Amino acid sequence: MDMSWGSNRLISAAISSKLGGTCNVRYGRTVLSVRVEQGRRVRLTDVSFRNKESIGTHEPIVSL
């Protein structure tokens, strides 16, 4: 997991998975169930939690 913060707020979080699966991610009082496909990355921002998105943007993983 890679996270970036600015002014005490989440800018972005990237969750990577070698095997794939679902995880719960909590930011403040909001918990998202995030499914990450094998060998992929999901990127979340503070907007993801405000809108209660179930998944972020997929990006290919270069290395884990």
Protein backbone atom coordinates (compact mmCIF):
# COMPACT_ATOMS: atom_id res chain seq x y z
CA MET A 1 0.00 0.00 0.00
CA ASP A 2 1.29 3.46 -0.94
CA MET A 3 -0.28 6.55 0.61
CA SER A 4 0.17 10.28 0.09
CA TRP A 5 -1.01 12.92 2.57
CA GLY A 6 -1.31 16.70 2.42
CA SER A 7 -2.62 19.11 5.08
CA ASN A 8 -3.63 16.11 7.22
CA ARG A 9 -5.86 14.77 4.42
CA LEU A 10 -5.54 11.77 2.16
CA ILE A 11 -4.37 12.69 -1.32
CA SER A 12 -4.22 9.14 -2.65
CA ALA A 13 -3.80 5.53 -1.59
CA ALA A 14 -2.79 2.72 -3.92
CA ILE A 15 -3.50 -0.88 -2.96
CA SER A 16 -1.67 -3.62 -4.88
CA SER A 17 -2.32 -7.35 -4.91
CA LYS A 18 -0.23 -10.28 -6.11
CA LEU A 19 -3.06 -12.77 -5.62
CA GLY A 20 -6.21 -10.65 -5.89
CA GLY A 21 -9.05 -10.41 -3.43
CA THR A 22 -11.18 -8.05 -1.40
CA CYS A 23 -10.10 -5.87 1.50
CA ASN A 24 -11.77 -3.29 3.70
CA VAL A 25 -10.20 0.16 3.70
CA ARG A 26 -11.10 2.70 6.37
CA TYR A 27 -10.61 6.46 6.19
CA GLY A 28 -12.23 8.42 8.97
CA ARG A 29 -15.64 6.88 9.64
CA THR A 30 -16.06 5.44 6.15
CA VAL A 31 -15.15 1.84 5.28
CA LEU A 32 -14.96 0.73 1.65
CA SER A 33 -14.91 -2.84 0.44
CA VAL A 34 -12.29 -2.81 -2.32
CA ARG A 35 -11.75 -5.65 -4.77
CA VAL A 36 -8.29 -5.80 -6.27
CA GLU A 37 -7.70 -8.10 -9.22
CA GLN A 38 -4.58 -10.23 -9.36
CA GLY A 39 -1.56 -8.22 -10.51
CA ARG A 40 -3.48 -4.94 -10.48
CA ARG A 41 -3.60 -1.79 -8.39
CA VAL A 42 -6.55 0.21 -7.10
CA ARG A 43 -6.10 3.93 -6.44
CA LEU A 44 -8.37 5.71 -3.96
CA THR A 45 -8.59 9.37 -2.99
CA ASP A 46 -10.52 11.24 -0.33
CA VAL A 47 -13.25 11.70 -2.95
CA SER A 48 -13.57 7.89 -3.16
CA PHE A 49 -14.56 7.86 0.49
CA ARG A 50 -16.91 10.84 0.26
CA ASN A 51 -18.70 9.24 -2.71
CA LYS A 52 -18.40 5.77 -1.16
CA GLU A 53 -17.03 4.31 -4.38
CA SER A 54 -16.60 0.56 -4.22
CA ILE A 55 -13.40 0.52 -6.25
CA GLY A 56 -10.76 2.93 -7.53
CA THR A 57 -9.00 3.23 -10.87
CA HIS A 58 -7.13 0.14 -12.05
CA GLU A 59 -3.50 0.59 -13.00
CA PRO A 60 -1.06 -2.08 -14.16
CA ILE A 61 1.48 -2.99 -11.51
CA VAL A 62 5.08 -2.65 -12.56
CA SER A 63 6.54 -4.41 -9.53
CA LEU A 64 5.48 -5.46 -6.06
